[in-house]
Every structure is written in C-alpha cells, then in structure tokens.
C-alpha cells in the first residue's frame, strides 16, 4: 500500500494552527500546587522546534526511540 503524500502529520497541523491562531490557547498545563499555565499555539510550536533541534545535536543513532522532525522542511519562519 502506497503512503498518502497529501496526508499531514501532527507536526504539520501544529505549525498550521500556530500560524493561523498564534495567540490562542493550545492547552492549559495544570501543576500540583493548583496553578495553571496557558500555552499558546505559537509557544507550543516554539517548544517543539527547540526540543527537536536539541535532540538533533545529541547524535543519537538512527531509529532511536527519541523522535526528531528536523528532517522536515516546515514554515517556522512564518511564525515569527
């Protein structure tokens, strides 16, 4: 069965919504002390980009259990 080249990944969807609604709340993170932190779509996309860049510097072997999407070309410059 051939892969669907039009299928968007979760990462594509994250960057789409970060571009369309950057300041809208993506999720609310609760903490044990009862406080919460709202994370916007733009902040979530930034965190994902930074973690991916960090993982890429670790020199992990191919097919490691750590996931990195640095091989994808995404419009991150459009988010700023």
N, C-alpha and C. Protein backbone atom coordinates (compact mmCIF):
# COMPACT_ATOMS: atom_id res chain seq x y z
N UNK A 1 0.85 -1.18 0.00
CA UNK A 1 0.00 0.00 0.00
C UNK A 1 0.89 1.24 0.00
N UNK A 2 0.66 2.15 -0.89
CA UNK A 2 1.45 3.37 -1.00
C UNK A 2 1.03 4.38 0.06
N UNK A 3 1.99 5.16 0.53
CA UNK A 3 1.70 6.20 1.51
C UNK A 3 0.97 7.35 0.82
N UNK A 4 0.08 7.99 1.54
CA UNK A 4 -0.66 9.13 1.02
C UNK A 4 0.21 10.38 1.14
N UNK A 5 0.70 10.90 0.03
CA UNK A 5 1.61 12.06 0.06
C UNK A 5 0.90 13.33 0.49
N UNK A 6 -0.43 13.35 0.50
CA UNK A 6 -1.18 14.53 0.92
C UNK A 6 -1.50 14.51 2.41
N UNK A 7 -1.22 13.41 3.08
CA UNK A 7 -1.53 13.30 4.49
C UNK A 7 -0.61 14.20 5.30
N UNK A 8 -1.20 15.00 6.16
CA UNK A 8 -0.44 15.90 7.01
C UNK A 8 -0.12 15.22 8.34
N UNK A 9 1.07 15.45 8.83
CA UNK A 9 1.46 14.90 10.12
C UNK A 9 0.94 15.80 11.24
N UNK A 10 1.05 15.32 12.46
CA UNK A 10 0.70 16.13 13.63
C UNK A 10 1.54 17.39 13.67
N UNK A 11 2.80 17.27 13.26
CA UNK A 11 3.68 18.43 13.26
C UNK A 11 3.22 19.48 12.26
N UNK A 12 2.80 19.04 11.07
CA UNK A 12 2.27 19.99 10.09
C UNK A 12 1.04 20.71 10.67
N UNK A 13 0.19 19.96 11.34
CA UNK A 13 -1.01 20.56 11.92
C UNK A 13 -0.65 21.56 13.02
N UNK A 14 0.32 21.22 13.85
CA UNK A 14 0.76 22.15 14.90
C UNK A 14 1.22 23.47 14.29
N UNK A 15 2.07 23.40 13.27
CA UNK A 15 2.58 24.63 12.65
C UNK A 15 1.48 25.38 11.90
N UNK A 16 0.52 24.67 11.35
CA UNK A 16 -0.61 25.33 10.70
C UNK A 16 -1.36 26.19 11.70
N UNK A 17 -1.72 25.58 12.85
CA UNK A 17 -2.51 26.33 13.84
C UNK A 17 -1.67 27.40 14.52
N UNK A 18 -0.37 27.17 14.66
CA UNK A 18 0.49 28.20 15.23
C UNK A 18 0.53 29.43 14.32
N UNK A 19 0.45 29.21 13.03
CA UNK A 19 0.45 30.32 12.08
C UNK A 19 -0.93 30.99 12.02
N UNK A 20 -1.99 30.17 12.04
CA UNK A 20 -3.34 30.71 11.91
C UNK A 20 -3.83 31.41 13.19
N UNK A 21 -3.53 30.83 14.34
CA UNK A 21 -4.03 31.36 15.61
C UNK A 21 -2.90 31.34 16.66
N UNK A 22 -1.84 32.10 16.44
CA UNK A 22 -0.66 32.01 17.30
C UNK A 22 -0.92 32.31 18.78
N UNK A 23 -1.85 33.19 19.07
CA UNK A 23 -2.06 33.61 20.46
C UNK A 23 -3.24 32.91 21.13
N UNK A 24 -3.87 32.01 20.42
CA UNK A 24 -4.97 31.24 21.02
C UNK A 24 -4.39 30.13 21.89
N UNK A 25 -5.06 29.85 23.01
CA UNK A 25 -4.56 28.84 23.94
C UNK A 25 -4.67 27.45 23.31
N UNK A 26 -3.54 26.76 23.26
CA UNK A 26 -3.45 25.39 22.76
C UNK A 26 -3.80 24.41 23.87
N UNK A 27 -3.24 24.65 25.05
CA UNK A 27 -3.54 23.80 26.20
C UNK A 27 -3.29 24.57 27.48
N UNK A 28 -3.91 24.09 28.54
CA UNK A 28 -3.67 24.64 29.86
C UNK A 28 -2.99 23.57 30.68
N UNK A 29 -1.77 23.88 31.14
CA UNK A 29 -0.96 22.92 31.90
C UNK A 29 -1.24 23.09 33.39
N UNK A 30 -1.82 22.07 34.03
CA UNK A 30 -2.02 22.15 35.48
C UNK A 30 -0.76 21.71 36.23
N UNK A 31 -0.54 22.28 37.39
CA UNK A 31 0.58 21.93 38.24
C UNK A 31 0.08 21.40 39.57
N UNK A 32 0.91 20.62 40.28
CA UNK A 32 0.48 20.01 41.54
C UNK A 32 0.00 21.01 42.59
N UNK A 33 0.53 22.24 42.55
CA UNK A 33 0.13 23.23 43.56
C UNK A 33 -1.20 23.90 43.23
N UNK A 34 -1.84 23.46 42.14
CA UNK A 34 -3.14 24.01 41.77
C UNK A 34 -3.08 25.14 40.77
N UNK A 35 -1.90 25.64 40.49
CA UNK A 35 -1.77 26.71 39.49
C UNK A 35 -1.82 26.10 38.09
N UNK A 36 -2.05 26.95 37.14
CA UNK A 36 -2.08 26.51 35.74
C UNK A 36 -1.29 27.50 34.90
N UNK A 37 -0.88 27.02 33.73
CA UNK A 37 -0.20 27.88 32.75
C UNK A 37 -0.82 27.64 31.39
N UNK A 38 -1.27 28.70 30.76
CA UNK A 38 -1.78 28.59 29.40
C UNK A 38 -0.61 28.61 28.43
N UNK A 39 -0.64 27.70 27.47
CA UNK A 39 0.39 27.63 26.44
C UNK A 39 -0.31 27.86 25.10
N UNK A 40 0.15 28.87 24.37
CA UNK A 40 -0.47 29.20 23.09
C UNK A 40 0.07 28.27 22.00
N UNK A 41 -0.59 28.31 20.86
CA UNK A 41 -0.13 27.52 19.71
C UNK A 41 1.29 27.91 19.32
N UNK A 42 1.57 29.22 19.32
CA UNK A 42 2.91 29.68 18.96
C UNK A 42 3.95 29.20 19.96
N UNK A 43 3.65 29.25 21.25
CA UNK A 43 4.58 28.78 22.27
C UNK A 43 4.82 27.28 22.14
N UNK A 44 3.77 26.52 21.87
CA UNK A 44 3.91 25.06 21.72
C UNK A 44 4.79 24.75 20.52
N UNK A 45 4.58 25.43 19.40
CA UNK A 45 5.39 25.19 18.20
C UNK A 45 6.85 25.56 18.47
N UNK A 46 7.07 26.63 19.21
CA UNK A 46 8.43 27.02 19.56
C UNK A 46 9.10 25.96 20.43
N UNK A 47 8.39 25.44 21.41
CA UNK A 47 8.95 24.41 22.29
C UNK A 47 9.28 23.14 21.50
N UNK A 48 8.40 22.76 20.58
CA UNK A 48 8.65 21.58 19.76
C UNK A 48 9.88 21.79 18.88
N UNK A 49 10.00 22.96 18.29
CA UNK A 49 11.16 23.27 17.43
C UNK A 49 12.46 23.23 18.23
N UNK A 50 12.44 23.82 19.43
CA UNK A 50 13.65 23.84 20.24
C UNK A 50 14.04 22.44 20.71
N UNK A 51 13.06 21.62 21.10
CA UNK A 51 13.38 20.27 21.54
C UNK A 51 13.90 19.44 20.37
N UNK A 52 13.33 19.60 19.21
CA UNK A 52 13.79 18.88 18.03
C UNK A 52 15.23 19.26 17.69
N UNK A 53 15.54 20.54 17.76
CA UNK A 53 16.90 21.00 17.49
C UNK A 53 17.87 20.42 18.52
N UNK A 54 17.46 20.38 19.76
CA UNK A 54 18.32 19.81 20.81
C UNK A 54 18.56 18.33 20.56
N UNK A 55 17.51 17.58 20.26
CA UNK A 55 17.67 16.14 20.01
C UNK A 55 18.61 15.89 18.83
N UNK A 56 18.56 16.77 17.84
CA UNK A 56 19.42 16.61 16.67
C UNK A 56 20.90 16.76 17.04
N UNK A 57 21.20 17.53 18.10
CA UNK A 57 22.59 17.73 18.50
C UNK A 57 23.15 16.56 19.29
N UNK A 58 22.31 15.63 19.72
CA UNK A 58 22.76 14.54 20.58
C UNK A 58 23.44 13.41 19.83
N UNK A 59 23.34 13.41 18.51
CA UNK A 59 23.98 12.37 17.72
C UNK A 59 23.42 10.98 18.00
N UNK A 60 22.14 10.91 18.24
CA UNK A 60 21.51 9.62 18.51
C UNK A 60 21.53 8.75 17.27
N UNK A 61 21.61 7.43 17.45
CA UNK A 61 21.60 6.55 16.28
C UNK A 61 20.24 6.59 15.59
N UNK A 62 20.26 6.28 14.29
CA UNK A 62 19.00 6.21 13.55
C UNK A 62 18.04 5.25 14.24
N UNK A 63 16.76 5.57 14.12
CA UNK A 63 15.69 4.74 14.67
C UNK A 63 15.73 4.67 16.19
N UNK A 64 16.31 5.69 16.83
CA UNK A 64 16.27 5.77 18.28
C UNK A 64 14.83 5.98 18.72
N UNK A 65 14.57 5.74 19.97
CA UNK A 65 13.22 5.94 20.49
C UNK A 65 12.89 7.41 20.69
N UNK A 66 13.88 8.28 20.59
CA UNK A 66 13.63 9.71 20.63
C UNK A 66 13.17 10.14 19.24
N UNK A 67 12.18 11.02 19.19
CA UNK A 67 11.63 11.46 17.92
C UNK A 67 12.17 12.83 17.58
N UNK A 68 12.62 13.00 16.35
CA UNK A 68 13.08 14.29 15.88
C UNK A 68 12.53 14.54 14.49
N UNK A 69 11.98 15.72 14.30
CA UNK A 69 11.40 16.07 13.00
C UNK A 69 12.27 17.08 12.25
N UNK A 70 13.55 17.15 12.56
CA UNK A 70 14.40 18.16 11.94
C UNK A 70 14.58 17.92 10.46
N UNK A 71 14.28 16.72 9.97
CA UNK A 71 14.44 16.44 8.55
C UNK A 71 13.30 17.03 7.72
N UNK A 72 12.24 17.50 8.37
CA UNK A 72 11.12 18.09 7.64
C UNK A 72 11.39 19.57 7.39
N UNK A 73 10.92 20.05 6.29
CA UNK A 73 11.02 21.47 5.99
C UNK A 73 9.66 22.08 6.29
N UNK A 74 9.61 22.87 7.34
CA UNK A 74 8.36 23.47 7.76
C UNK A 74 8.52 24.99 7.79
N UNK A 75 7.43 25.71 7.66
CA UNK A 75 7.49 27.17 7.59
C UNK A 75 7.64 27.82 8.94
N UNK A 76 8.67 27.46 9.72
CA UNK A 76 8.83 28.04 11.04
C UNK A 76 9.10 29.54 10.99
N UNK A 77 9.71 30.02 9.93
CA UNK A 77 9.99 31.46 9.82
C UNK A 77 8.70 32.26 9.70
N UNK A 78 7.61 31.62 9.29
CA UNK A 78 6.33 32.31 9.19
C UNK A 78 5.69 32.54 10.56
N UNK A 79 6.22 31.90 11.60
CA UNK A 79 5.62 32.01 12.91
C UNK A 79 6.03 33.26 13.65
N UNK A 80 7.11 33.84 13.26
CA UNK A 80 7.65 35.00 13.99
C UNK A 80 6.95 36.26 13.59
